[in-house]
Amino acid sequence: MIRNKWDQRIQRADDLAAAHDFAAEVMRFYRRIAGLQKSLYSYFETAGDCGANKHAANLRDEGPNLPLLLVKFPEFLSQIETFATQPFVEAARRLRADGERRWREGLGSTWQNAP
């Protein structure tokens, strides 16, 4: 059975965590991040104008659909707050406090400056 790239990444993180005690904590963290990415990717593929005519992998080249991103950004921050290490939790809380205007600016700027 062929699994999607997110499931493959999640399985690989599980395998590495089981095989290497020294890496278990970071692999469990990465597993959660990959699960979150999988969920967001699925949402972007099926929501808004990303349906049959567009593929989420092309979003980077086309530019961000900020309204689509902003709908899920609070959920993203909440998830980070539930399982990340303290520095990430603190950053997520600061971002949450900044509000949607700042999110829009930050996401747009990050997208524009991506290599």
PDB file of N, CA and C in Angstrom:
ATOM      1  N   MET A   1       0.838  -1.173   0.000  1.00  0.00           N
ATOM      2  CA  MET A   1       0.000   0.000   0.000  1.00  0.00           C
ATOM      3  C   MET A   1       0.891   1.247   0.000  1.00  0.00           C
ATOM      4  N   ILE A   2       0.604   2.184  -0.897  1.00  0.00           N
ATOM      5  CA  ILE A   2       1.356   3.421  -0.964  1.00  0.00           C
ATOM      6  C   ILE A   2       0.707   4.437  -0.029  1.00  0.00           C
ATOM      7  N   ARG A   3       1.526   4.967   0.870  1.00  0.00           N
ATOM      8  CA  ARG A   3       1.020   5.973   1.805  1.00  0.00           C
ATOM      9  C   ARG A   3       1.439   7.350   1.309  1.00  0.00           C
ATOM     10  N   ASN A   4       0.719   8.366   1.782  1.00  0.00           N
ATOM     11  CA  ASN A   4       1.109   9.713   1.385  1.00  0.00           C
ATOM     12  C   ASN A   4       2.400  10.113   2.094  1.00  0.00           C
ATOM     13  N   LYS A   5       2.973  11.213   1.638  1.00  0.00           N
ATOM     14  CA  LYS A   5       4.271  11.628   2.181  1.00  0.00           C
ATOM     15  C   LYS A   5       4.196  11.939   3.671  1.00  0.00           C
ATOM     16  N   TRP A   6       3.064  12.415   4.145  1.00  0.00           N
ATOM     17  CA  TRP A   6       2.938  12.736   5.574  1.00  0.00           C
ATOM     18  C   TRP A   6       2.932  11.460   6.401  1.00  0.00           C
ATOM     19  N   ASP A   7       2.195  10.451   5.946  1.00  0.00           N
ATOM     20  CA  ASP A   7       2.170   9.183   6.671  1.00  0.00           C
ATOM     21  C   ASP A   7       3.560   8.533   6.677  1.00  0.00           C
ATOM     22  N   GLN A   8       4.276   8.671   5.573  1.00  0.00           N
ATOM     23  CA  GLN A   8       5.634   8.129   5.518  1.00  0.00           C
ATOM     24  C   GLN A   8       6.538   8.843   6.521  1.00  0.00           C
ATOM     25  N   ARG A   9       6.412  10.141   6.619  1.00  0.00           N
ATOM     26  CA  ARG A   9       7.230  10.906   7.560  1.00  0.00           C
ATOM     27  C   ARG A   9       6.884  10.552   9.005  1.00  0.00           C
ATOM     28  N   ILE A  10       5.604  10.405   9.275  1.00  0.00           N
ATOM     29  CA  ILE A  10       5.158  10.035  10.622  1.00  0.00           C
ATOM     30  C   ILE A  10       5.689   8.660  10.995  1.00  0.00           C
ATOM     31  N   GLN A  11       5.603   7.702  10.078  1.00  0.00           N
ATOM     32  CA  GLN A  11       6.109   6.360  10.336  1.00  0.00           C
ATOM     33  C   GLN A  11       7.609   6.371  10.553  1.00  0.00           C
ATOM     34  N   ARG A  12       8.314   7.163   9.763  1.00  0.00           N
ATOM     35  CA  ARG A  12       9.773   7.246   9.914  1.00  0.00           C
ATOM     36  C   ARG A  12      10.141   7.820  11.281  1.00  0.00           C
ATOM     37  N   ALA A  13       9.420   8.834  11.717  1.00  0.00           N
ATOM     38  CA  ALA A  13       9.672   9.404  13.049  1.00  0.00           C
ATOM     39  C   ALA A  13       9.417   8.363  14.131  1.00  0.00           C
ATOM     40  N   ASP A  14       8.347   7.590  13.989  1.00  0.00           N
ATOM     41  CA  ASP A  14       8.056   6.524  14.960  1.00  0.00           C
ATOM     42  C   ASP A  14       9.187   5.488  14.974  1.00  0.00           C
ATOM     43  N   ASP A  15       9.642   5.100  13.793  1.00  0.00           N
ATOM     44  CA  ASP A  15      10.722   4.107  13.689  1.00  0.00           C
ATOM     45  C   ASP A  15      12.003   4.618  14.345  1.00  0.00           C
ATOM     46  N   LEU A  16      12.355   5.867  14.064  1.00  0.00           N
ATOM     47  CA  LEU A  16      13.579   6.431  14.641  1.00  0.00           C
ATOM     48  C   LEU A  16      13.458   6.583  16.162  1.00  0.00           C
ATOM     49  N   ALA A  17      12.292   6.984  16.631  1.00  0.00           N
ATOM     50  CA  ALA A  17      12.090   7.120  18.076  1.00  0.00           C
ATOM     51  C   ALA A  17      12.240   5.772  18.773  1.00  0.00           C
ATOM     52  N   ALA A  18      11.723   4.733  18.148  1.00  0.00           N
ATOM     53  CA  ALA A  18      11.815   3.395  18.739  1.00  0.00           C
ATOM     54  C   ALA A  18      13.239   2.840  18.690  1.00  0.00           C
ATOM     55  N   ALA A  19      13.981   3.194  17.653  1.00  0.00           N
ATOM     56  CA  ALA A  19      15.317   2.643  17.464  1.00  0.00           C
ATOM     57  C   ALA A  19      16.405   3.401  18.221  1.00  0.00           C
ATOM     58  N   HIS A  20      16.166   4.657  18.520  1.00  0.00           N
ATOM     59  CA  HIS A  20      17.214   5.503  19.105  1.00  0.00           C
ATOM     60  C   HIS A  20      16.658   6.294  20.288  1.00  0.00           C
ATOM     61  N   ASP A  21      16.944   5.817  21.475  1.00  0.00           N
ATOM     62  CA  ASP A  21      16.452   6.486  22.680  1.00  0.00           C
ATOM     63  C   ASP A  21      16.849   7.952  22.741  1.00  0.00           C
ATOM     64  N   PHE A  22      18.080   8.258  22.313  1.00  0.00           N
ATOM     65  CA  PHE A  22      18.563   9.631  22.400  1.00  0.00           C
ATOM     66  C   PHE A  22      17.766  10.583  21.504  1.00  0.00           C
ATOM     67  N   ALA A  23      17.098  10.044  20.484  1.00  0.00           N
ATOM     68  CA  ALA A  23      16.352  10.870  19.540  1.00  0.00           C
ATOM     69  C   ALA A  23      14.844  10.805  19.749  1.00  0.00           C
ATOM     70  N   ALA A  24      14.410  10.030  20.724  1.00  0.00           N
ATOM     71  CA  ALA A  24      12.977   9.779  20.885  1.00  0.00           C
ATOM     72  C   ALA A  24      12.173  11.057  21.111  1.00  0.00           C
ATOM     73  N   GLU A  25      12.656  11.937  21.969  1.00  0.00           N
ATOM     74  CA  GLU A  25      11.883  13.147  22.276  1.00  0.00           C
ATOM     75  C   GLU A  25      11.704  14.035  21.041  1.00  0.00           C
ATOM     76  N   VAL A  26      12.776  14.272  20.322  1.00  0.00           N
ATOM     77  CA  VAL A  26      12.669  15.133  19.143  1.00  0.00           C
ATOM     78  C   VAL A  26      11.858  14.448  18.034  1.00  0.00           C
ATOM     79  N   MET A  27      11.938  13.133  17.938  1.00  0.00           N
ATOM     80  CA  MET A  27      11.144  12.420  16.932  1.00  0.00           C
ATOM     81  C   MET A  27       9.653  12.456  17.265  1.00  0.00           C
ATOM     82  N   ARG A  28       9.336  12.364  18.558  1.00  0.00           N
ATOM     83  CA  ARG A  28       7.921  12.498  18.942  1.00  0.00           C
ATOM     84  C   ARG A  28       7.413  13.910  18.634  1.00  0.00           C
ATOM     85  N   PHE A  29       8.235  14.918  18.857  1.00  0.00           N
ATOM     86  CA  PHE A  29       7.869  16.295  18.516  1.00  0.00           C
ATOM     87  C   PHE A  29       7.667  16.417  17.005  1.00  0.00           C
ATOM     88  N   TYR A  30       8.611  15.899  16.236  1.00  0.00           N
ATOM     89  CA  TYR A  30       8.491  15.969  14.781  1.00  0.00           C
ATOM     90  C   TYR A  30       7.248  15.222  14.297  1.00  0.00           C
ATOM     91  N   ARG A  31       6.940  14.099  14.924  1.00  0.00           N
ATOM     92  CA  ARG A  31       5.752  13.331  14.551  1.00  0.00           C
ATOM     93  C   ARG A  31       4.504  14.192  14.673  1.00  0.00           C
ATOM     94  N   ARG A  32       4.412  14.956  15.759  1.00  0.00           N
ATOM     95  CA  ARG A  32       3.259  15.848  15.962  1.00  0.00           C
ATOM     96  C   ARG A  32       3.229  16.953  14.907  1.00  0.00           C
ATOM     97  N   ILE A  33       4.402  17.502  14.596  1.00  0.00           N
ATOM     98  CA  ILE A  33       4.478  18.543  13.559  1.00  0.00           C
ATOM     99  C   ILE A  33       4.043  17.977  12.212  1.00  0.00           C
ATOM    100  N   ALA A  34       4.521  16.786  11.877  1.00  0.00           N
ATOM    101  CA  ALA A  34       4.146  16.168  10.605  1.00  0.00           C
ATOM    102  C   ALA A  34       2.647  15.880  10.559  1.00  0.00           C
ATOM    103  N   GLY A  35       2.069  15.461  11.666  1.00  0.00           N
ATOM    104  CA  GLY A  35       0.621  15.243  11.718  1.00  0.00           C
ATOM    105  C   GLY A  35      -0.150  16.537  11.513  1.00  0.00           C
ATOM    106  N   LEU A  36       0.346  17.600  12.105  1.00  0.00           N
ATOM    107  CA  LEU A  36      -0.271  18.908  11.924  1.00  0.00           C
ATOM    108  C   LEU A  36      -0.144  19.367  10.473  1.00  0.00           C
ATOM    109  N   GLN A  37       1.026  19.175   9.888  1.00  0.00           N
ATOM    110  CA  GLN A  37       1.217  19.526   8.482  1.00  0.00           C
ATOM    111  C   GLN A  37       0.276  18.722   7.587  1.00  0.00           C
ATOM    112  N   LYS A  38       0.124  17.447   7.888  1.00  0.00           N
ATOM    113  CA  LYS A  38      -0.772  16.591   7.107  1.00  0.00           C
ATOM    114  C   LYS A  38      -2.195  17.139   7.142  1.00  0.00           C
ATOM    115  N   SER A  39      -2.656  17.502   8.316  1.00  0.00           N
ATOM    116  CA  SER A  39      -3.993  18.035   8.477  1.00  0.00           C
ATOM    117  C   SER A  39      -4.165  19.357   7.720  1.00  0.00           C
ATOM    118  N   LEU A  40      -3.200  20.248   7.849  1.00  0.00           N
ATOM    119  CA  LEU A  40      -3.275  21.540   7.165  1.00  0.00           C
ATOM    120  C   LEU A  40      -3.209  21.363   5.649  1.00  0.00           C
ATOM    121  N   TYR A  41      -2.337  20.495   5.193  1.00  0.00           N
ATOM    122  CA  TYR A  41      -2.193  20.240   3.769  1.00  0.00           C
ATOM    123  C   TYR A  41      -3.512  19.728   3.182  1.00  0.00           C
ATOM    124  N   SER A  42      -4.133  18.808   3.893  1.00  0.00           N
ATOM    125  CA  SER A  42      -5.411  18.272   3.442  1.00  0.00           C
ATOM    126  C   SER A  42      -6.474  19.373   3.370  1.00  0.00           C
ATOM    127  N   TYR A  43      -6.496  20.221   4.388  1.00  0.00           N
ATOM    128  CA  TYR A  43      -7.440  21.339   4.409  1.00  0.00           C
ATOM    129  C   TYR A  43      -7.208  22.257   3.207  1.00  0.00           C
ATOM    130  N   PHE A  44      -5.936  22.617   2.945  1.00  0.00           N
ATOM    131  CA  PHE A  44      -5.635  23.525   1.844  1.00  0.00           C
ATOM    132  C   PHE A  44      -5.990  22.928   0.495  1.00  0.00           C
ATOM    133  N   GLU A  45      -5.846  21.622   0.368  1.00  0.00           N
ATOM    134  CA  GLU A  45      -6.180  20.981  -0.912  1.00  0.00           C
ATOM    135  C   GLU A  45      -7.676  21.003  -1.188  1.00  0.00           C
ATOM    136  N   THR A  46      -8.474  20.950  -0.150  1.00  0.00           N
ATOM    137  CA  THR A  46      -9.916  20.844  -0.355  1.00  0.00           C
ATOM    138  C   THR A  46     -10.679  22.140  -0.132  1.00  0.00           C
ATOM    139  N   ALA A  47     -10.035  23.152   0.444  1.00  0.00           N
ATOM    140  CA  ALA A  47     -10.730  24.392   0.788  1.00  0.00           C
ATOM    141  C   ALA A  47     -10.549  25.461  -0.272  1.00  0.00           C
ATOM    142  N   GLY A  48     -11.448  26.374  -0.266  1.00  0.00           N
ATOM    143  CA  GLY A  48     -11.329  27.567  -1.090  1.00  0.00           C
ATOM    144  C   GLY A  48     -11.069  27.259  -2.536  1.00  0.00           C
ATOM    145  N   ASP A  49     -10.125  27.969  -3.116  1.00  0.00           N
ATOM    146  CA  ASP A  49      -9.840  27.811  -4.538  1.00  0.00           C
ATOM    147  C   ASP A  49      -8.723  26.811  -4.794  1.00  0.00           C
ATOM    148  N   CYS A  50      -8.469  25.918  -3.840  1.00  0.00           N
ATOM    149  CA  CYS A  50      -7.396  24.934  -4.004  1.00  0.00           C
ATOM    150  C   CYS A  50      -7.935  23.577  -4.402  1.00  0.00           C
ATOM    151  N   GLY A  51      -9.195  23.495  -4.723  1.00  0.00           N
ATOM    152  CA  GLY A  51      -9.824  22.221  -5.024  1.00  0.00           C
ATOM    153  C   GLY A  51      -9.275  21.560  -6.259  1.00  0.00           C
ATOM    154  N   ALA A  52     -10.139  21.213  -7.185  1.00  0.00           N
ATOM    155  CA  ALA A  52      -9.743  20.441  -8.353  1.00  0.00           C
ATOM    156  C   ALA A  52      -8.795  21.208  -9.265  1.00  0.00           C
ATOM    157  N   ASN A  53      -8.854  22.529  -9.249  1.00  0.00           N
ATOM    158  CA  ASN A  53      -8.045  23.314 -10.180  1.00  0.00           C
ATOM    159  C   ASN A  53      -6.642  23.606  -9.679  1.00  0.00           C
ATOM    160  N   LYS A  54      -6.399  23.477  -8.398  1.00  0.00           N
ATOM    161  CA  LYS A  54      -5.087  23.796  -7.843  1.00  0.00           C
ATOM    162  C   LYS A  54      -4.660  22.696  -6.893  1.00  0.00           C
ATOM    163  N   HIS A  55      -3.381  22.588  -6.719  1.00  0.00           N
ATOM    164  CA  HIS A  55      -2.818  21.598  -5.814  1.00  0.00           C
ATOM    165  C   HIS A  55      -2.030  22.341  -4.754  1.00  0.00           C
ATOM    166  N   ALA A  56      -2.091  21.892  -3.522  1.00  0.00           N
ATOM    167  CA  ALA A  56      -1.431  22.602  -2.426  1.00  0.00           C
ATOM    168  C   ALA A  56       0.059  22.776  -2.667  1.00  0.00           C
ATOM    169  N   ALA A  57       0.687  21.867  -3.356  1.00  0.00           N
ATOM    170  CA  ALA A  57       2.116  21.985  -3.614  1.00  0.00           C
ATOM    171  C   ALA A  57       2.437  23.206  -4.461  1.00  0.00           C
ATOM    172  N   ASN A  58       1.471  23.697  -5.232  1.00  0.00           N
ATOM    173  CA  ASN A  58       1.684  24.874  -6.074  1.00  0.00           C
ATOM    174  C   ASN A  58       1.413  26.173  -5.343  1.00  0.00           C
ATOM    175  N   LEU A  59       0.899  26.125  -4.126  1.00  0.00           N
ATOM    176  CA  LEU A  59       0.555  27.342  -3.408  1.00  0.00           C
ATOM    177  C   LEU A  59       1.757  28.258  -3.228  1.00  0.00           C
ATOM    178  N   ARG A  60       2.909  27.695  -2.977  1.00  0.00           N
ATOM    179  CA  ARG A  60       4.098  28.520  -2.746  1.00  0.00           C
ATOM    180  C   ARG A  60       4.432  29.349  -3.978  1.00  0.00           C
ATOM    181  N   ASP A  61       4.330  28.760  -5.158  1.00  0.00           N
ATOM    182  CA  ASP A  61       4.642  29.477  -6.381  1.00  0.00           C
ATOM    183  C   ASP A  61       3.593  30.534  -6.714  1.00  0.00           C
ATOM    184  N   GLU A  62       2.354  30.287  -6.351  1.00  0.00           N
ATOM    185  CA  GLU A  62       1.266  31.195  -6.692  1.00  0.00           C
ATOM    186  C   GLU A  62       1.084  32.300  -5.666  1.00  0.00           C
ATOM    187  N   GLY A  63       1.656  32.151  -4.519  1.00  0.00           N
ATOM    188  CA  GLY A  63       1.464  33.128  -3.457  1.00  0.00           C
ATOM    189  C   GLY A  63       0.398  32.647  -2.495  1.00  0.00           C
ATOM    190  N   PRO A  64       0.397  33.216  -1.313  1.00  0.00           N
ATOM    191  CA  PRO A  64      -0.510  32.731  -0.280  1.00  0.00           C
ATOM    192  C   PRO A  64      -1.938  33.192  -0.484  1.00  0.00           C
ATOM    193  N   ASN A  65      -2.843  32.353  -0.115  1.00  0.00           N
ATOM    194  CA  ASN A  65      -4.241  32.726   0.004  1.00  0.00           C
ATOM    195  C   ASN A  65      -4.408  33.065   1.484  1.00  0.00           C
ATOM    196  N   LEU A  66      -4.120  34.313   1.841  1.00  0.00           N
ATOM    197  CA  LEU A  66      -4.088  34.682   3.252  1.00  0.00           C
ATOM    198  C   LEU A  66      -5.391  34.404   3.991  1.00  0.00           C
ATOM    199  N   PRO A  67      -6.550  34.689   3.409  1.00  0.00           N
ATOM    200  CA  PRO A  67      -7.774  34.345   4.148  1.00  0.00           C
ATOM    201  C   PRO A  67      -7.856  32.853   4.485  1.00  0.00           C
ATOM    202  N   LEU A  68      -7.424  32.011   3.563  1.00  0.00           N
ATOM    203  CA  LEU A  68      -7.424  30.565   3.794  1.00  0.00           C
ATOM    204  C   LEU A  68      -6.439  30.193   4.897  1.00  0.00           C
ATOM    205  N   LEU A  69      -5.255  30.784   4.864  1.00  0.00           N
ATOM    206  CA  LEU A  69      -4.258  30.517   5.903  1.00  0.00           C
ATOM    207  C   LEU A  69      -4.723  31.022   7.269  1.00  0.00           C
ATOM    208  N   LEU A  70      -5.307  32.203   7.285  1.00  0.00           N
ATOM    209  CA  LEU A  70      -5.701  32.818   8.558  1.00  0.00           C
ATOM    210  C   LEU A  70      -6.813  32.051   9.265  1.00  0.00           C
ATOM    211  N   VAL A  71      -7.645  31.360   8.500  1.00  0.00           N
ATOM    212  CA  VAL A  71      -8.711  30.551   9.111  1.00  0.00           C
ATOM    213  C   VAL A  71      -8.115  29.482  10.025  1.00  0.00           C
ATOM    214  N   LYS A  72      -7.002  28.892   9.607  1.00  0.00           N
ATOM    215  CA  LYS A  72      -6.394  27.792  10.356  1.00  0.00           C
ATOM    216  C   LYS A  72      -5.271  28.224  11.296  1.00  0.00           C
ATOM    217  N   PHE A  73      -4.852  29.480  11.220  1.00  0.00           N
ATOM    218  CA  PHE A  73      -3.710  29.906  12.010  1.00  0.00           C
ATOM    219  C   PHE A  73      -3.954  29.810  13.520  1.00  0.00           C
ATOM    220  N   PRO A  74      -5.125  30.213  14.040  1.00  0.00           N
ATOM    221  CA  PRO A  74      -5.347  30.036  15.485  1.00  0.00           C
ATOM    222  C   PRO A  74      -5.282  28.575  15.921  1.00  0.00           C
ATOM    223  N   GLU A  75      -5.809  27.677  15.106  1.00  0.00           N
ATOM    224  CA  GLU A  75      -5.742  26.244  15.416  1.00  0.00           C
ATOM    225  C   GLU A  75      -4.290  25.765  15.412  1.00  0.00           C
ATOM    226  N   PHE A  76      -3.517  26.234  14.457  1.00  0.00           N
ATOM    227  CA  PHE A  76      -2.102  25.907  14.389  1.00  0.00           C
ATOM    228  C   PHE A  76      -1.394  26.344  15.668  1.00  0.00           C
ATOM    229  N   LEU A  77      -1.636  27.581  16.085  1.00  0.00           N
ATOM    230  CA  LEU A  77      -1.013  28.083  17.312  1.00  0.00           C
ATOM    231  C   LEU A  77      -1.435  27.259  18.525  1.00  0.00           C
ATOM    232  N   SER A  78      -2.708  26.911  18.603  1.00  0.00           N
ATOM    233  CA  SER A  78      -3.201  26.093  19.723  1.00  0.00           C
ATOM    234  C   SER A  78      -2.502  24.750  19.774  1.00  0.00           C
ATOM    235  N   GLN A  79      -2.338  24.136  18.620  1.00  0.00           N
ATOM    236  CA  GLN A  79      -1.667  22.837  18.579  1.00  0.00           C
ATOM    237  C   GLN A  79      -0.220  22.964  19.046  1.00  0.00           C
ATOM    238  N   ILE A  80       0.475  23.985  18.585  1.00  0.00           N
ATOM    239  CA  ILE A  80       1.858  24.199  19.012  1.00  0.00           C
ATOM    240  C   ILE A  80       1.908  24.375  20.527  1.00  0.00           C
ATOM    241  N   GLU A  81       0.953  25.102  21.075  1.00  0.00           N
ATOM    242  CA  GLU A  81       0.916  25.342  22.514  1.00  0.00           C
ATOM    243  C   GLU A  81       0.695  24.054  23.311  1.00  0.00           C
ATOM    244  N   THR A  82       0.074  23.047  22.705  1.00  0.00           N
ATOM    245  CA  THR A  82      -0.219  21.817  23.446  1.00  0.00           C
ATOM    246  C   THR A  82       0.941  20.830  23.490  1.00  0.00           C
ATOM    247  N   PHE A  83       1.861  20.884  22.507  1.00  0.00           N
ATOM    248  CA  PHE A  83       2.881  19.835  22.506  1.00  0.00           C
ATOM    249  C   PHE A  83       4.317  20.312  22.309  1.00  0.00           C
ATOM    250  N   ALA A  84       4.509  21.572  22.070  1.00  0.00           N
ATOM    251  CA  ALA A  84       5.866  22.046  21.782  1.00  0.00           C
ATOM    252  C   ALA A  84       6.653  22.306  23.063  1.00  0.00           C
ATOM    253  N   THR A  85       7.942  22.510  22.873  1.00  0.00           N
ATOM    254  CA  THR A  85       8.801  22.887  23.987  1.00  0.00           C
ATOM    255  C   THR A  85       8.510  24.339  24.369  1.00  0.00           C
ATOM    256  N   GLN A  86       8.956  24.720  25.549  1.00  0.00           N
ATOM    257  CA  GLN A  86       8.612  26.027  26.101  1.00  0.00           C
ATOM    258  C   GLN A  86       8.928  27.205  25.173  1.00  0.00           C
ATOM    259  N   PRO A  87      10.078  27.256  24.527  1.00  0.00           N
ATOM    260  CA  PRO A  87      10.324  28.399  23.632  1.00  0.00           C
ATOM    261  C   PRO A  87       9.289  28.515  22.504  1.00  0.00           C
ATOM    262  N   PHE A  88       8.877  27.367  21.943  1.00  0.00           N
ATOM    263  CA  PHE A  88       7.856  27.388  20.902  1.00  0.00           C
ATOM    264  C   PHE A  88       6.498  27.784  21.466  1.00  0.00           C
ATOM    265  N   VAL A  89       6.188  27.288  22.646  1.00  0.00           N
ATOM    266  CA  VAL A  89       4.926  27.645  23.302  1.00  0.00           C
ATOM    267  C   VAL A  89       4.861  29.149  23.520  1.00  0.00           C
ATOM    268  N   GLU A  90       5.937  29.713  24.026  1.00  0.00           N
ATOM    269  CA  GLU A  90       5.979  31.155  24.281  1.00  0.00           C
ATOM    270  C   GLU A  90       5.836  31.947  22.982  1.00  0.00           C
ATOM    271  N   ALA A  91       6.490  31.497  21.927  1.00  0.00           N
ATOM    272  CA  ALA A  91       6.376  32.177  20.633  1.00  0.00           C
ATOM    273  C   ALA A  91       4.946  32.095  20.104  1.00  0.00           C
ATOM    274  N   ALA A  92       4.314  30.933  20.242  1.00  0.00           N
ATOM    275  CA  ALA A  92       2.933  30.777  19.794  1.00  0.00           C
ATOM    276  C   ALA A  92       2.002  31.696  20.580  1.00  0.00           C
ATOM    277  N   ARG A  93       2.225  31.813  21.870  1.00  0.00           N
ATOM    278  CA  ARG A  93       1.398  32.701  22.693  1.00  0.00           C
ATOM    279  C   ARG A  93       1.585  34.167  22.292  1.00  0.00           C
ATOM    280  N   ARG A  94       2.825  34.545  22.018  1.00  0.00           N
ATOM    281  CA  ARG A  94       3.070  35.927  21.570  1.00  0.00           C
ATOM    282  C   ARG A  94       2.368  36.192  20.237  1.00  0.00           C
ATOM    283  N   LEU A  95       2.462  35.229  19.334  1.00  0.00           N
ATOM    284  CA  LEU A  95       1.780  35.382  18.052  1.00  0.00           C
ATOM    285  C   LEU A  95       0.269  35.490  18.232  1.00  0.00           C
ATOM    286  N   ARG A  96      -0.274  34.671  19.104  1.00  0.00           N
ATOM    287  CA  ARG A  96      -1.720  34.721  19.353  1.00  0.00           C
ATOM    288  C   ARG A  96      -2.113  36.111  19.858  1.00  0.00           C
ATOM    289  N   ALA A  97      -1.316  36.654  20.752  1.00  0.00           N
ATOM    290  CA  ALA A  97      -1.607  37.975  21.324  1.00  0.00           C
ATOM    291  C   ALA A  97      -1.469  39.081  20.275  1.00  0.00           C
ATOM    292  N   ASP A  98      -0.614  38.889  19.283  1.00  0.00           N
ATOM    293  CA  ASP A  98      -0.420  39.898  18.243  1.00  0.00           C
ATOM    294  C   ASP A  98      -1.671  40.125  17.402  1.00  0.00           C
ATOM    295  N   GLY A  99      -2.456  39.076  17.201  1.00  0.00           N
ATOM    296  CA  GLY A  99      -3.702  39.210  16.462  1.00  0.00           C
ATOM    297  C   GLY A  99      -3.570  39.057  14.960  1.00  0.00           C
ATOM    298  N   GLU A 100      -4.738  39.055  14.329  1.00  0.00           N
ATOM    299  CA  GLU A 100      -4.817  38.723  12.907  1.00  0.00           C
ATOM    300  C   GLU A 100      -4.067  39.704  12.014  1.00  0.00           C
ATOM    301  N   ARG A 101      -4.081  40.975  12.321  1.00  0.00           N
ATOM    302  CA  ARG A 101      -3.369  41.948  11.482  1.00  0.00           C
ATOM    303  C   ARG A 101      -1.881  41.598  11.398  1.00  0.00           C
ATOM    304  N   ARG A 102      -1.302  41.291  12.534  1.00  0.00           N
ATOM    305  CA  ARG A 102       0.126  40.929  12.578  1.00  0.00           C
ATOM    306  C   ARG A 102       0.370  39.592  11.875  1.00  0.00           C
ATOM    307  N   TRP A 103      -0.568  38.653  12.022  1.00  0.00           N
ATOM    308  CA  TRP A 103      -0.434  37.362  11.351  1.00  0.00           C
ATOM    309  C   TRP A 103      -0.397  37.575   9.841  1.00  0.00           C
ATOM    310  N   ARG A 104      -1.311  38.404   9.363  1.00  0.00           N
ATOM    311  CA  ARG A 104      -1.392  38.683   7.926  1.00  0.00           C
ATOM    312  C   ARG A 104      -0.062  39.259   7.429  1.00  0.00           C
ATOM    313  N   GLU A 105       0.475  40.233   8.159  1.00  0.00           N
ATOM    314  CA  GLU A 105       1.751  40.839   7.787  1.00  0.00           C
ATOM    315  C   GLU A 105       2.880  39.807   7.813  1.00  0.00           C
ATOM    316  N   GLY A 106       2.946  39.027   8.884  1.00  0.00           N
ATOM    317  CA  GLY A 106       4.021  38.049   9.031  1.00  0.00           C
ATOM    318  C   GLY A 106       3.967  36.943   8.011  1.00  0.00           C
ATOM    319  N   LEU A 107       2.778  36.400   7.779  1.00  0.00           N
ATOM    320  CA  LEU A 107       2.640  35.328   6.801  1.00  0.00           C
ATOM    321  C   LEU A 107       2.947  35.837   5.391  1.00  0.00           C
ATOM    322  N   GLY A 108       2.451  37.015   5.056  1.00  0.00           N
ATOM    323  CA  GLY A 108       2.715  37.583   3.741  1.00  0.00           C
ATOM    324  C   GLY A 108       4.187  37.853   3.524  1.00  0.00           C
ATOM    325  N   SER A 109       4.830  38.430   4.533  1.00  0.00           N
ATOM    326  CA  SER A 109       6.259  38.743   4.448  1.00  0.00           C
ATOM    327  C   SER A 109       7.092  37.468   4.336  1.00  0.00           C
ATOM    328  N   THR A 110       6.772  36.481   5.142  1.00  0.00           N
ATOM    329  CA  THR A 110       7.506  35.219   5.108  1.00  0.00           C
ATOM    330  C   THR A 110       7.370  34.564   3.739  1.00  0.00           C
ATOM    331  N   TRP A 111       6.159  34.565   3.202  1.00  0.00           N
ATOM    332  CA  TRP A 111       5.920  33.959   1.905  1.00  0.00           C
ATOM    333  C   TRP A 111       6.709  34.672   0.814  1.00  0.00           C
ATOM    334  N   GLN A 112       6.722  35.999   0.856  1.00  0.00           N
ATOM    335  CA  GLN A 112       7.419  36.800  -0.146  1.00  0.00           C
ATOM    336  C   GLN A 112       8.930  36.582  -0.099  1.00  0.00           C
ATOM    337  N   ASN A 113       9.476  36.347   1.098  1.00  0.00           N
ATOM    338  CA  ASN A 113      10.914  36.248   1.268  1.00  0.00           C
ATOM    339  C   ASN A 113      11.436  34.817   1.274  1.00  0.00           C
ATOM    340  N   ALA A 114      10.577  33.854   1.023  1.00  0.00           N
ATOM    341  CA  ALA A 114      11.007  32.446   1.004  1.00  0.00           C
ATOM    342  C   ALA A 114      11.935  32.218  -0.189  1.00  0.00           C
ATOM    343  N   PRO A 115      12.994  31.420   0.027  1.00  0.00           N
ATOM    344  CA  PRO A 115      13.932  31.140  -1.078  1.00  0.00           C
ATOM    345  C   PRO A 115      13.295  30.304  -2.170  1.00  0.00           C
TER     346      PRO A 115
END
